[in-house]
C-alpha atoms as a PDB file:
ATOM      1  CA  UNK A   1      33.987   2.727 -26.342  1.00  0.00           C
ATOM      2  CA  UNK A   2      35.688   1.584 -23.124  1.00  0.00           C
ATOM      3  CA  UNK A   3      34.442  -1.233 -20.910  1.00  0.00           C
ATOM      4  CA  UNK A   4      32.506   0.950 -18.493  1.00  0.00           C
ATOM      5  CA  UNK A   5      30.777   2.830 -21.298  1.00  0.00           C
ATOM      6  CA  UNK A   6      29.891  -0.485 -22.953  1.00  0.00           C
ATOM      7  CA  UNK A   7      28.299  -1.761 -19.726  1.00  0.00           C
ATOM      8  CA  UNK A   8      26.277   1.435 -19.403  1.00  0.00           C
ATOM      9  CA  UNK A   9      25.071   1.054 -22.985  1.00  0.00           C
ATOM     10  CA  UNK A  10      24.241  -2.621 -22.478  1.00  0.00           C
ATOM     11  CA  UNK A  11      22.219  -1.682 -19.396  1.00  0.00           C
ATOM     12  CA  UNK A  12      20.411   1.056 -21.326  1.00  0.00           C
ATOM     13  CA  UNK A  13      19.582  -1.262 -24.224  1.00  0.00           C
ATOM     14  CA  UNK A  14      18.374  -3.998 -21.886  1.00  0.00           C
ATOM     15  CA  UNK A  15      16.085  -1.673 -19.896  1.00  0.00           C
ATOM     16  CA  UNK A  16      14.536  -0.245 -23.062  1.00  0.00           C
ATOM     17  CA  UNK A  17      13.873  -3.723 -24.406  1.00  0.00           C
ATOM     18  CA  UNK A  18      12.301  -4.992 -21.193  1.00  0.00           C
ATOM     19  CA  UNK A  19      10.243  -1.809 -20.794  1.00  0.00           C
ATOM     20  CA  UNK A  20       8.620  -2.532 -24.119  1.00  0.00           C
ATOM     21  CA  UNK A  21       7.689  -6.063 -23.053  1.00  0.00           C
ATOM     22  CA  UNK A  22       5.854  -5.321 -19.811  1.00  0.00           C
ATOM     23  CA  UNK A  23       2.146  -6.173 -19.966  1.00  0.00           C
ATOM     24  CA  UNK A  24       0.388  -3.016 -18.832  1.00  0.00           C
ATOM     25  CA  UNK A  25      -2.586  -4.853 -17.349  1.00  0.00           C
ATOM     26  CA  UNK A  26      -0.239  -6.686 -14.957  1.00  0.00           C
ATOM     27  CA  UNK A  27       0.482  -3.315 -13.318  1.00  0.00           C
ATOM     28  CA  UNK A  28      -3.125  -2.195 -13.338  1.00  0.00           C
ATOM     29  CA  UNK A  29      -2.506   0.263 -16.189  1.00  0.00           C
ATOM     30  CA  UNK A  30      -4.927   0.831 -19.087  1.00  0.00           C
ATOM     31  CA  UNK A  31      -3.906   0.382 -22.745  1.00  0.00           C
ATOM     32  CA  UNK A  32      -2.203   3.328 -24.425  1.00  0.00           C
ATOM     33  CA  UNK A  33      -4.301   4.935 -27.110  1.00  0.00           C
ATOM     34  CA  UNK A  34      -6.936   2.266 -26.612  1.00  0.00           C
ATOM     35  CA  UNK A  35      -4.877  -0.386 -28.404  1.00  0.00           C
ATOM     36  CA  UNK A  36      -1.377  -0.764 -27.014  1.00  0.00           C
ATOM     37  CA  UNK A  37      -1.552  -3.407 -24.274  1.00  0.00           C
ATOM     38  CA  UNK A  38       2.148  -3.898 -23.619  1.00  0.00           C
ATOM     39  CA  UNK A  39       5.074  -1.656 -22.934  1.00  0.00           C
ATOM     40  CA  UNK A  40       5.525   1.198 -20.477  1.00  0.00           C
ATOM     41  CA  UNK A  41       6.428   4.807 -21.058  1.00  0.00           C
ATOM     42  CA  UNK A  42       9.638   6.037 -19.454  1.00  0.00           C
ATOM     43  CA  UNK A  43       7.691   8.303 -17.138  1.00  0.00           C
ATOM     44  CA  UNK A  44       5.570   5.360 -15.993  1.00  0.00           C
ATOM     45  CA  UNK A  45       8.644   3.298 -15.102  1.00  0.00           C
ATOM     46  CA  UNK A  46      10.094   6.285 -13.254  1.00  0.00           C
ATOM     47  CA  UNK A  47       6.838   6.891 -11.383  1.00  0.00           C
ATOM     48  CA  UNK A  48       6.341   3.261 -10.352  1.00  0.00           C
ATOM     49  CA  UNK A  49       9.997   3.016  -9.309  1.00  0.00           C
ATOM     50  CA  UNK A  50       9.907   6.287  -7.332  1.00  0.00           C
ATOM     51  CA  UNK A  51      12.733   7.899  -9.308  1.00  0.00           C
ATOM     52  CA  UNK A  52      12.740  11.076 -11.371  1.00  0.00           C
ATOM     53  CA  UNK A  53      11.883  10.882 -15.062  1.00  0.00           C
ATOM     54  CA  UNK A  54      15.120  12.688 -15.913  1.00  0.00           C
ATOM     55  CA  UNK A  55      17.240  10.200 -13.972  1.00  0.00           C
ATOM     56  CA  UNK A  56      15.531   7.190 -15.542  1.00  0.00           C
ATOM     57  CA  UNK A  57      15.845   8.756 -19.003  1.00  0.00           C
ATOM     58  CA  UNK A  58      19.579   9.204 -18.473  1.00  0.00           C
ATOM     59  CA  UNK A  59      19.786   5.564 -17.378  1.00  0.00           C
ATOM     60  CA  UNK A  60      18.180   4.434 -20.652  1.00  0.00           C
ATOM     61  CA  UNK A  61      20.453   6.758 -22.613  1.00  0.00           C
ATOM     62  CA  UNK A  62      23.591   5.220 -21.142  1.00  0.00           C
ATOM     63  CA  UNK A  63      24.656   8.522 -19.575  1.00  0.00           C
ATOM     64  CA  UNK A  64      27.686   8.599 -17.294  1.00  0.00           C
ATOM     65  CA  UNK A  65      25.750   8.234 -14.039  1.00  0.00           C
ATOM     66  CA  UNK A  66      25.998   5.760 -11.172  1.00  0.00           C
ATOM     67  CA  UNK A  67      22.565   4.356 -10.269  1.00  0.00           C
ATOM     68  CA  UNK A  68      22.213   3.104  -6.714  1.00  0.00           C
ATOM     69  CA  UNK A  69      21.406  -0.501  -5.984  1.00  0.00           C
ATOM     70  CA  UNK A  70      18.067   0.617  -4.515  1.00  0.00           C
ATOM     71  CA  UNK A  71      17.127   2.331  -7.786  1.00  0.00           C
ATOM     72  CA  UNK A  72      18.020  -0.734  -9.843  1.00  0.00           C
ATOM     73  CA  UNK A  73      16.097  -2.985  -7.422  1.00  0.00           C
ATOM     74  CA  UNK A  74      13.023  -0.769  -7.807  1.00  0.00           C
ATOM     75  CA  UNK A  75      13.307  -0.702 -11.608  1.00  0.00           C
ATOM     76  CA  UNK A  76      13.706  -4.490 -11.649  1.00  0.00           C
ATOM     77  CA  UNK A  77      10.481  -4.861  -9.677  1.00  0.00           C
ATOM     78  CA  UNK A  78       8.607  -2.465 -11.942  1.00  0.00           C
ATOM     79  CA  UNK A  79       9.773  -4.255 -15.094  1.00  0.00           C
ATOM     80  CA  UNK A  80       9.002  -7.670 -13.544  1.00  0.00           C
ATOM     81  CA  UNK A  81      12.537  -8.916 -14.154  1.00  0.00           C
ATOM     82  CA  UNK A  82      13.409 -12.490 -13.332  1.00  0.00           C
ATOM     83  CA  UNK A  83      16.123 -13.238 -10.780  1.00  0.00           C
ATOM     84  CA  UNK A  84      18.571 -13.847 -13.629  1.00  0.00           C
ATOM     85  CA  UNK A  85      17.660 -10.561 -15.315  1.00  0.00           C
ATOM     86  CA  UNK A  86      17.848  -8.680 -12.022  1.00  0.00           C
ATOM     87  CA  UNK A  87      21.285 -10.154 -11.378  1.00  0.00           C
ATOM     88  CA  UNK A  88      22.353  -9.153 -14.905  1.00  0.00           C
ATOM     89  CA  UNK A  89      21.493  -5.450 -14.556  1.00  0.00           C
ATOM     90  CA  UNK A  90      23.110  -5.298 -11.114  1.00  0.00           C
ATOM     91  CA  UNK A  91      26.272  -6.843 -12.539  1.00  0.00           C
ATOM     92  CA  UNK A  92      26.351  -4.274 -15.365  1.00  0.00           C
ATOM     93  CA  UNK A  93      26.231  -1.545 -12.715  1.00  0.00           C
ATOM     94  CA  UNK A  94      28.932  -3.197 -10.602  1.00  0.00           C
ATOM     95  CA  UNK A  95      26.780  -4.784  -7.906  1.00  0.00           C
ATOM     96  CA  UNK A  96      26.508  -8.350  -6.618  1.00  0.00           C
ATOM     97  CA  UNK A  97      23.499 -10.651  -7.074  1.00  0.00           C
ATOM     98  CA  UNK A  98      20.142  -9.483  -5.639  1.00  0.00           C
ATOM     99  CA  UNK A  99      19.447 -10.165  -2.003  1.00  0.00           C
ATOM    100  CA  UNK A 100      17.033 -13.041  -1.310  1.00  0.00           C
ATOM    101  CA  UNK A 101      13.435 -11.891  -1.272  1.00  0.00           C
ATOM    102  CA  UNK A 102      11.877 -11.477   2.146  1.00  0.00           C
ATOM    103  CA  UNK A 103       9.536 -14.251   3.197  1.00  0.00           C
ATOM    104  CA  UNK A 104       5.955 -13.142   2.511  1.00  0.00           C
ATOM    105  CA  UNK A 105       3.861 -12.191   5.496  1.00  0.00           C
ATOM    106  CA  UNK A 106       1.467 -14.997   6.496  1.00  0.00           C
ATOM    107  CA  UNK A 107      -2.166 -14.391   5.621  1.00  0.00           C
ATOM    108  CA  UNK A 108      -4.399 -14.239   7.546  1.00  0.00           C
ATOM    109  CA  UNK A 109      -2.854 -12.486  10.533  1.00  0.00           C
ATOM    110  CA  UNK A 110      -0.850 -14.762  12.894  1.00  0.00           C
ATOM    111  CA  UNK A 111      -3.141 -16.638  15.273  1.00  0.00           C
ATOM    112  CA  UNK A 112      -1.806 -15.021  18.441  1.00  0.00           C
ATOM    113  CA  UNK A 113      -2.356 -11.552  16.967  1.00  0.00           C
ATOM    114  CA  UNK A 114      -5.944 -12.502  16.104  1.00  0.00           C
ATOM    115  CA  UNK A 115      -6.429 -13.624  19.703  1.00  0.00           C
ATOM    116  CA  UNK A 116      -5.171 -10.217  20.839  1.00  0.00           C
ATOM    117  CA  UNK A 117      -7.690  -8.519  18.558  1.00  0.00           C
ATOM    118  CA  UNK A 118     -10.499 -10.712  19.881  1.00  0.00           C
ATOM    119  CA  UNK A 119      -9.527  -9.912  23.475  1.00  0.00           C
ATOM    120  CA  UNK A 120     -10.071  -6.199  22.828  1.00  0.00           C
ATOM    121  CA  UNK A 121     -13.805  -6.682  23.116  1.00  0.00           C
ATOM    122  CA  UNK A 122     -14.697  -3.044  23.849  1.00  0.00           C
ATOM    123  CA  UNK A 123     -12.459  -1.423  21.230  1.00  0.00           C
ATOM    124  CA  UNK A 124     -12.553  -1.567  17.418  1.00  0.00           C
ATOM    125  CA  UNK A 125      -9.247  -3.081  16.284  1.00  0.00           C
ATOM    126  CA  UNK A 126      -7.762  -4.506  13.118  1.00  0.00           C
ATOM    127  CA  UNK A 127      -4.380  -5.574  11.718  1.00  0.00           C
ATOM    128  CA  UNK A 128      -2.756  -4.685   8.423  1.00  0.00           C
ATOM    129  CA  UNK A 129       0.060  -6.252   6.417  1.00  0.00           C
ATOM    130  CA  UNK A 130       2.965  -4.192   4.978  1.00  0.00           C
ATOM    131  CA  UNK A 131       0.925  -3.408   1.832  1.00  0.00           C
ATOM    132  CA  UNK A 132      -1.979  -2.349   4.086  1.00  0.00           C
ATOM    133  CA  UNK A 133      -4.168  -5.344   3.336  1.00  0.00           C
ATOM    134  CA  UNK A 134      -6.464  -5.864   6.323  1.00  0.00           C
ATOM    135  CA  UNK A 135      -5.456  -9.288   7.599  1.00  0.00           C
ATOM    136  CA  UNK A 136      -7.448  -9.490  10.850  1.00  0.00           C
ATOM    137  CA  UNK A 137     -10.110  -7.666  12.853  1.00  0.00           C
ATOM    138  CA  UNK A 138     -12.360  -8.092  15.868  1.00  0.00           C
ATOM    139  CA  UNK A 139     -16.107  -8.132  16.455  1.00  0.00           C
ATOM    140  CA  UNK A 140     -16.223  -4.482  17.447  1.00  0.00           C
ATOM    141  CA  UNK A 141     -14.514  -3.401  14.237  1.00  0.00           C
ATOM    142  CA  UNK A 142     -17.154  -5.259  12.201  1.00  0.00           C
ATOM    143  CA  UNK A 143     -19.786  -3.256  14.081  1.00  0.00           C
ATOM    144  CA  UNK A 144     -17.999  -0.028  13.179  1.00  0.00           C
ATOM    145  CA  UNK A 145     -17.285  -1.083   9.586  1.00  0.00           C
ATOM    146  CA  UNK A 146     -19.461  -4.059   8.532  1.00  0.00           C
ATOM    147  CA  UNK A 147     -18.151  -4.119   4.952  1.00  0.00           C
ATOM    148  CA  UNK A 148     -14.809  -5.529   6.099  1.00  0.00           C
ATOM    149  CA  UNK A 149     -16.539  -8.915   6.318  1.00  0.00           C
ATOM    150  CA  UNK A 150     -18.260  -8.855   2.924  1.00  0.00           C
ATOM    151  CA  UNK A 151     -15.715  -7.122   0.690  1.00  0.00           C
ATOM    152  CA  UNK A 152     -13.824  -9.495  -1.664  1.00  0.00           C
ATOM    153  CA  UNK A 153     -10.486 -10.559  -0.200  1.00  0.00           C
ATOM    154  CA  UNK A 154      -8.541  -8.953  -3.047  1.00  0.00           C
ATOM    155  CA  UNK A 155     -10.151  -5.590  -2.214  1.00  0.00           C
ATOM    156  CA  UNK A 156      -9.684  -5.804   1.561  1.00  0.00           C
ATOM    157  CA  UNK A 157      -6.964  -3.184   1.579  1.00  0.00           C
ATOM    158  CA  UNK A 158      -7.222  -0.147   3.844  1.00  0.00           C
ATOM    159  CA  UNK A 159      -6.060   2.339   1.203  1.00  0.00           C
ATOM    160  CA  UNK A 160      -8.335   0.880  -1.474  1.00  0.00           C
ATOM    161  CA  UNK A 161     -11.383   0.881   0.790  1.00  0.00           C
ATOM    162  CA  UNK A 162     -10.886   4.427   2.065  1.00  0.00           C
ATOM    163  CA  UNK A 163     -10.808   5.783  -1.489  1.00  0.00           C
ATOM    164  CA  UNK A 164     -13.483   3.553  -3.055  1.00  0.00           C
ATOM    165  CA  UNK A 165     -16.082   2.571  -0.433  1.00  0.00           C
ATOM    166  CA  UNK A 166     -18.945   5.099  -0.122  1.00  0.00           C
ATOM    167  CA  UNK A 167     -19.740   3.753   3.364  1.00  0.00           C
ATOM    168  CA  UNK A 168     -16.400   5.030   4.656  1.00  0.00           C
ATOM    169  CA  UNK A 169     -17.007   8.459   3.153  1.00  0.00           C
ATOM    170  CA  UNK A 170     -20.158   8.653   5.265  1.00  0.00           C
ATOM    171  CA  UNK A 171     -18.497   7.126   8.323  1.00  0.00           C
ATOM    172  CA  UNK A 172     -15.600   9.613   8.315  1.00  0.00           C
ATOM    173  CA  UNK A 173     -16.936  13.202   8.530  1.00  0.00           C
ATOM    174  CA  UNK A 174     -13.538  14.721   7.667  1.00  0.00           C
ATOM    175  CA  UNK A 175     -12.918  12.227   4.879  1.00  0.00           C
ATOM    176  CA  UNK A 176     -11.007  14.682   2.655  1.00  0.00           C
ATOM    177  CA  UNK A 177      -8.494  15.456   5.411  1.00  0.00           C
ATOM    178  CA  UNK A 178      -8.250  11.921   6.820  1.00  0.00           C
ATOM    179  CA  UNK A 179      -7.776  10.304   3.406  1.00  0.00           C
ATOM    180  CA  UNK A 180      -4.878  12.662   2.616  1.00  0.00           C
ATOM    181  CA  UNK A 181      -3.272  11.863   5.984  1.00  0.00           C
ATOM    182  CA  UNK A 182      -3.661   8.158   5.301  1.00  0.00           C
ATOM    183  CA  UNK A 183      -2.141   8.360   1.833  1.00  0.00           C
ATOM    184  CA  UNK A 184       0.839  10.399   3.078  1.00  0.00           C
ATOM    185  CA  UNK A 185       1.457   7.773   5.783  1.00  0.00           C
ATOM    186  CA  UNK A 186       1.199   4.965   3.228  1.00  0.00           C
ATOM    187  CA  UNK A 187       3.735   6.624   0.932  1.00  0.00           C
ATOM    188  CA  UNK A 188       6.136   7.180   3.843  1.00  0.00           C
ATOM    189  CA  UNK A 189       5.924   3.530   4.914  1.00  0.00           C
ATOM    190  CA  UNK A 190       5.944   1.965   1.450  1.00  0.00           C
ATOM    191  CA  UNK A 191       9.003   3.960   0.354  1.00  0.00           C
ATOM    192  CA  UNK A 192      11.222   1.866  -1.920  1.00  0.00           C
ATOM    193  CA  UNK A 193       8.639  -0.937  -1.980  1.00  0.00           C
ATOM    194  CA  UNK A 194       6.353   1.102  -4.249  1.00  0.00           C
ATOM    195  CA  UNK A 195       7.862  -0.631  -7.286  1.00  0.00           C
ATOM    196  CA  UNK A 196       7.033  -4.114  -5.999  1.00  0.00           C
ATOM    197  CA  UNK A 197       4.075  -5.831  -7.712  1.00  0.00           C
ATOM    198  CA  UNK A 198       1.585  -5.708  -4.780  1.00  0.00           C
ATOM    199  CA  UNK A 199       2.199  -1.986  -4.315  1.00  0.00           C
ATOM    200  CA  UNK A 200       2.369  -0.956  -7.969  1.00  0.00           C
ATOM    201  CA  UNK A 201      -0.773  -2.970  -8.714  1.00  0.00           C
ATOM    202  CA  UNK A 202      -2.651  -1.277  -5.859  1.00  0.00           C
ATOM    203  CA  UNK A 203      -1.512   2.206  -6.912  1.00  0.00           C
ATOM    204  CA  UNK A 204      -2.396   1.510 -10.549  1.00  0.00           C
ATOM    205  CA  UNK A 205      -5.918   0.396  -9.630  1.00  0.00           C
ATOM    206  CA  UNK A 206      -6.465   3.420  -7.418  1.00  0.00           C
ATOM    207  CA  UNK A 207      -5.186   5.854 -10.036  1.00  0.00           C
ATOM    208  CA  UNK A 208      -7.780   4.440 -12.405  1.00  0.00           C
ATOM    209  CA  UNK A 209     -10.642   4.141  -9.897  1.00  0.00           C
ATOM    210  CA  UNK A 210     -10.485   7.318  -7.804  1.00  0.00           C
ATOM    211  CA  UNK A 211     -10.210  10.937  -8.916  1.00  0.00           C
ATOM    212  CA  UNK A 212      -9.525  11.982  -5.314  1.00  0.00           C
ATOM    213  CA  UNK A 213      -6.666   9.489  -5.105  1.00  0.00           C
ATOM    214  CA  UNK A 214      -5.132  10.787  -8.346  1.00  0.00           C
ATOM    215  CA  UNK A 215      -5.170  14.338  -7.017  1.00  0.00           C
ATOM    216  CA  UNK A 216      -3.729  13.406  -3.616  1.00  0.00           C
ATOM    217  CA  UNK A 217      -1.114  11.010  -5.030  1.00  0.00           C
ATOM    218  CA  UNK A 218       0.315  13.704  -7.255  1.00  0.00           C
ATOM    219  CA  UNK A 219       1.015  15.889  -4.201  1.00  0.00           C
ATOM    220  CA  UNK A 220       3.624  13.357  -2.992  1.00  0.00           C
ATOM    221  CA  UNK A 221       3.022  14.312   0.659  1.00  0.00           C
ATOM    222  CA  UNK A 222       4.897  12.291   3.284  1.00  0.00           C
ATOM    223  CA  UNK A 223       3.816  11.894   6.930  1.00  0.00           C
ATOM    224  CA  UNK A 224       4.805   9.523   9.701  1.00  0.00           C
ATOM    225  CA  UNK A 225       2.017   7.867  11.669  1.00  0.00           C
ATOM    226  CA  UNK A 226       0.989   9.623  14.881  1.00  0.00           C
ATOM    227  CA  UNK A 227      -1.608   8.646  17.437  1.00  0.00           C
ATOM    228  CA  UNK A 228      -4.453  11.131  17.166  1.00  0.00           C
ATOM    229  CA  UNK A 229      -8.120  11.661  17.827  1.00  0.00           C
ATOM    230  CA  UNK A 230     -10.537  10.446  15.167  1.00  0.00           C
ATOM    231  CA  UNK A 231     -14.259  11.038  14.801  1.00  0.00           C
ATOM    232  CA  UNK A 232     -16.606   8.552  13.123  1.00  0.00           C
ATOM    233  CA  UNK A 233     -20.312   9.073  12.494  1.00  0.00           C
ATOM    234  CA  UNK A 234     -21.888   5.653  12.861  1.00  0.00           C
ATOM    235  CA  UNK A 235     -25.462   5.114  11.574  1.00  0.00           C
ATOM    236  CA  UNK A 236     -26.524   3.478  14.864  1.00  0.00           C
ATOM    237  CA  UNK A 237     -24.130   4.778  17.531  1.00  0.00           C
ATOM    238  CA  UNK A 238     -23.856   8.347  16.258  1.00  0.00           C
ATOM    239  CA  UNK A 239     -20.670  10.379  16.762  1.00  0.00           C
ATOM    240  CA  UNK A 240     -17.773   8.328  18.113  1.00  0.00           C
ATOM    241  CA  UNK A 241     -14.734  10.211  19.426  1.00  0.00           C
ATOM    242  CA  UNK A 242     -11.838   7.764  19.416  1.00  0.00           C
ATOM    243  CA  UNK A 243      -8.089   7.855  19.895  1.00  0.00           C
ATOM    244  CA  UNK A 244      -6.242   5.938  17.206  1.00  0.00           C
ATOM    245  CA  UNK A 245      -3.202   3.936  18.289  1.00  0.00           C
ATOM    246  CA  UNK A 246      -0.946   1.536  16.410  1.00  0.00           C
ATOM    247  CA  UNK A 247       1.276  -1.253  17.714  1.00  0.00           C
ATOM    248  CA  UNK A 248       3.677  -3.747  16.134  1.00  0.00           C
ATOM    249  CA  UNK A 249       4.185  -7.230  17.675  1.00  0.00           C
ATOM    250  CA  UNK A 250       7.870  -7.805  18.362  1.00  0.00           C
ATOM    251  CA  UNK A 251       7.819 -11.217  16.650  1.00  0.00           C
ATOM    252  CA  UNK A 252       5.950  -9.892  13.576  1.00  0.00           C
ATOM    253  CA  UNK A 253       7.171  -6.293  13.217  1.00  0.00           C
ATOM    254  CA  UNK A 254       5.644  -5.908   9.746  1.00  0.00           C
ATOM    255  CA  UNK A 255       2.156  -6.400  11.195  1.00  0.00           C
ATOM    256  CA  UNK A 256       0.453  -3.218  12.378  1.00  0.00           C
ATOM    257  CA  UNK A 257      -2.337  -3.507  14.948  1.00  0.00           C
ATOM    258  CA  UNK A 258      -4.616  -0.460  14.954  1.00  0.00           C
ATOM    259  CA  UNK A 259      -6.755   0.099  18.039  1.00  0.00           C
ATOM    260  CA  UNK A 260      -9.413   2.745  18.652  1.00  0.00           C
ATOM    261  CA  UNK A 261     -10.062   3.698  22.289  1.00  0.00           C
ATOM    262  CA  UNK A 262     -12.798   6.068  23.516  1.00  0.00           C
ATOM    263  CA  UNK A 263     -11.829   9.661  24.294  1.00  0.00           C
ATOM    264  CA  UNK A 264     -12.372   9.765  28.103  1.00  0.00           C
ATOM    265  CA  UNK A 265     -14.239  13.096  28.161  1.00  0.00           C
ATOM    266  CA  UNK A 266     -16.962  11.833  25.810  1.00  0.00           C
ATOM    267  CA  UNK A 267     -19.776   9.280  26.011  1.00  0.00           C
ATOM    268  CA  UNK A 268     -18.149   7.185  23.289  1.00  0.00           C
ATOM    269  CA  UNK A 269     -17.633   4.126  25.537  1.00  0.00           C
ATOM    270  CA  UNK A 270     -21.405   3.864  26.072  1.00  0.00           C
ATOM    271  CA  UNK A 271     -22.044   4.474  22.367  1.00  0.00           C
ATOM    272  CA  UNK A 272     -19.627   1.679  21.456  1.00  0.00           C
ATOM    273  CA  UNK A 273     -21.476  -0.735  23.737  1.00  0.00           C
ATOM    274  CA  UNK A 274     -24.744   0.189  22.041  1.00  0.00           C
ATOM    275  CA  UNK A 275     -23.141  -0.257  18.631  1.00  0.00           C
ATOM    276  CA  UNK A 276     -21.861  -3.715  19.566  1.00  0.00           C
ATOM    277  CA  UNK A 277     -25.201  -4.830  21.019  1.00  0.00           C
ATOM    278  CA  UNK A 278     -27.279  -3.553  18.112  1.00  0.00           C
ATOM    279  CA  UNK A 279     -25.153  -4.083  15.047  1.00  0.00           C
ATOM    280  CA  UNK A 280     -22.204  -6.431  15.450  1.00  0.00           C
ATOM    281  CA  UNK A 281     -22.540  -9.667  13.433  1.00  0.00           C
ATOM    282  CA  UNK A 282     -20.925 -12.877  14.673  1.00  0.00           C
ATOM    283  CA  UNK A 283     -17.116 -12.821  14.365  1.00  0.00           C
ATOM    284  CA  UNK A 284     -15.927 -13.831  10.896  1.00  0.00           C
ATOM    285  CA  UNK A 285     -12.381 -14.912  10.125  1.00  0.00           C
ATOM    286  CA  UNK A 286     -10.530 -13.350   7.196  1.00  0.00           C
ATOM    287  CA  UNK A 287     -10.666 -15.270   3.928  1.00  0.00           C
END
């Protein structure tokens, strides 16, 4: 066995060993067969790393293939490898040490972005982090969706709430269509990050909690975000016809500010004022 073949085999052996050591609960996955609480199947590693099962199988078999750095980075995240272990598998594949991890996004939303949200007094608006956790909102958004204030911080994720909160199913008349759009946009934006712990944990929880999510996730649809008209049926204000827009502050490009503005040809502006007057609780900062 030549040197290159030996490195491929060492990589294969290492990945198999580490795959068997992953604690399934850490990724939001149930035990296998009701008893096995550690170790992932090959197809689970492939799925969480956004690579094909065949490709990952070949990788563990030491086949004569050249995995990209992006694939190895994703597998390292899925298997929860340490920096040293990540560096080791990259070296076996002929790559340099892993790039430094990006600095985590501050939580809650940066103060100046929260001030922007608060200044949009007539429009529901909120901000999301890269993993779609809702990190800030304004008074009008709490009137539209009061549960954003009371939901536990660990569940205050837009994707999680859309697929698990019954209030949103009632609020969004075309929930089946809108939820599929949202999931396709999330997949497009998350991309190679899907193997990172915050993303894989979220996806694992949703796969377990929501039958609709499982069906839509398996379609693997991809869509880029587009501004579009949305309709909400509010219990006090009635039908709200809103245009959905999204902005990114230049100094925090990973933050997404979502703003809903009334469709001009409707009476939504007046309905929003009524909603604010009748239902909005005092502003509450994120946890």
